[in-house]
Amino acid sequence: MKTPTSKMPEKVDSKFRFVLVAAHRAEQLMQGARVVLDSPGDKKSTRIAQEEVREDLVAWELGPETEEDEIVEAEDTEEGLTEAPAETDDEVH
């Protein structure tokens, strides 16, 4: 049996990305977007979305890095890590 991620278009760099793009497309289909497959048959929106992504029928691209992404990356580096201030007996939470 062929798995949903066994055949991916060249521009999909990982199974994780495939799942993210297909999930987003499935959400669009559930909200009323038009199916671009020639013959979708009697399939659920998730299967249709996977097939559309697999056949490279839907356009998608990676967005630019956001400021939030940069902050997370900085926190992951040793320079960005700081220790939490030590709690004292005087502080009430």
Protein backbone atom coordinates (compact mmCIF):
# COMPACT_ATOMS: atom_id res chain seq x y z
CA MET A 1 0.00 0.00 0.00
CA LYS A 2 1.31 3.43 -0.96
CA THR A 3 1.57 5.87 1.95
CA PRO A 4 0.30 9.45 1.52
CA THR A 5 3.83 10.89 1.77
CA SER A 6 5.61 8.32 -0.40
CA LYS A 7 5.52 10.49 -3.54
CA MET A 8 6.15 14.19 -2.98
CA PRO A 9 6.83 17.00 -5.46
CA GLU A 10 10.43 18.12 -5.72
CA LYS A 11 9.88 21.46 -3.98
CA VAL A 12 8.48 19.78 -0.85
CA ASP A 13 11.61 19.35 1.25
CA SER A 14 10.27 17.01 3.93
CA LYS A 15 7.35 14.87 5.01
CA PHE A 16 6.67 17.39 7.73
CA ARG A 17 6.32 20.19 5.16
CA PHE A 18 4.07 17.95 3.03
CA VAL A 19 1.75 17.39 5.99
CA LEU A 20 1.66 21.12 6.84
CA VAL A 21 0.86 22.16 3.26
CA ALA A 22 -1.74 19.41 2.84
CA ALA A 23 -3.38 20.31 6.18
CA HIS A 24 -3.60 23.95 5.17
CA ARG A 25 -5.08 22.98 1.80
CA ALA A 26 -7.59 20.63 3.47
CA GLU A 27 -8.71 23.53 5.68
CA GLN A 28 -9.23 25.65 2.55
CA LEU A 29 -11.29 22.88 0.96
CA MET A 30 -13.44 22.51 4.08
CA GLN A 31 -14.11 26.25 3.96
CA GLY A 32 -15.35 26.00 0.37
CA ALA A 33 -12.29 26.35 -1.86
CA ARG A 34 -12.64 24.79 -5.31
CA VAL A 35 -11.06 21.36 -5.86
CA VAL A 36 -8.41 21.46 -8.63
CA LEU A 37 -8.19 17.70 -9.21
CA ASP A 38 -9.70 16.47 -12.47
CA SER A 39 -11.68 13.71 -10.76
CA PRO A 40 -11.65 13.95 -6.96
CA GLY A 41 -14.09 11.07 -6.66
CA ASP A 42 -15.68 10.31 -3.32
CA LYS A 43 -12.78 11.37 -1.07
CA LYS A 44 -12.47 13.34 2.11
CA SER A 45 -10.95 16.81 1.95
CA THR A 46 -7.73 15.59 3.61
CA ARG A 47 -7.17 12.95 0.90
CA ILE A 48 -8.00 15.43 -1.87
CA ALA A 49 -5.55 17.95 -0.36
CA GLN A 50 -2.79 15.34 -0.14
CA GLU A 51 -3.31 14.36 -3.76
CA GLU A 52 -3.35 17.99 -4.91
CA VAL A 53 -0.07 18.69 -3.09
CA ARG A 54 1.46 15.42 -4.30
CA GLU A 55 0.60 16.30 -7.91
CA ASP A 56 1.85 19.87 -7.39
CA LEU A 57 -1.55 21.35 -8.30
CA VAL A 58 -1.63 23.96 -5.54
CA ALA A 59 0.74 26.89 -5.26
CA TRP A 60 2.54 27.45 -1.97
CA GLU A 61 5.78 28.97 -0.80
CA LEU A 62 7.77 29.47 2.34
CA GLY A 63 7.17 32.84 3.92
CA PRO A 64 9.90 35.19 5.09
CA GLU A 65 11.38 34.66 8.51
CA THR A 66 9.43 36.57 11.09
CA GLU A 67 10.79 38.53 14.02
CA GLU A 68 9.36 35.82 16.31
CA ASP A 69 11.46 33.18 14.49
CA GLU A 70 14.58 35.27 15.03
CA ILE A 71 13.79 35.64 18.74
CA VAL A 72 13.38 31.88 19.15
CA GLU A 73 16.67 31.27 17.36
CA ALA A 74 18.44 33.79 19.62
CA GLU A 75 17.04 32.11 22.70
CA ASP A 76 18.35 28.78 21.47
CA THR A 77 21.93 30.02 21.26
CA GLU A 78 24.16 30.14 24.30
CA GLU A 79 24.42 33.93 24.14
CA GLY A 80 20.64 34.24 24.19
CA LEU A 81 20.13 32.02 27.21
CA THR A 82 19.79 33.72 30.56
CA GLU A 83 19.12 32.27 33.95
CA ALA A 84 15.87 33.08 35.69
CA PRO A 85 16.33 35.34 38.69
CA ALA A 86 16.51 33.45 41.95
CA GLU A 87 13.39 33.66 44.06
CA THR A 88 13.67 35.12 47.53
CA ASP A 89 11.58 34.36 50.59
CA ASP A 90 10.17 37.92 50.43
CA GLU A 91 8.41 37.38 47.08
CA VAL A 92 4.79 36.32 47.09
CA HIS A 93 3.27 34.57 44.08
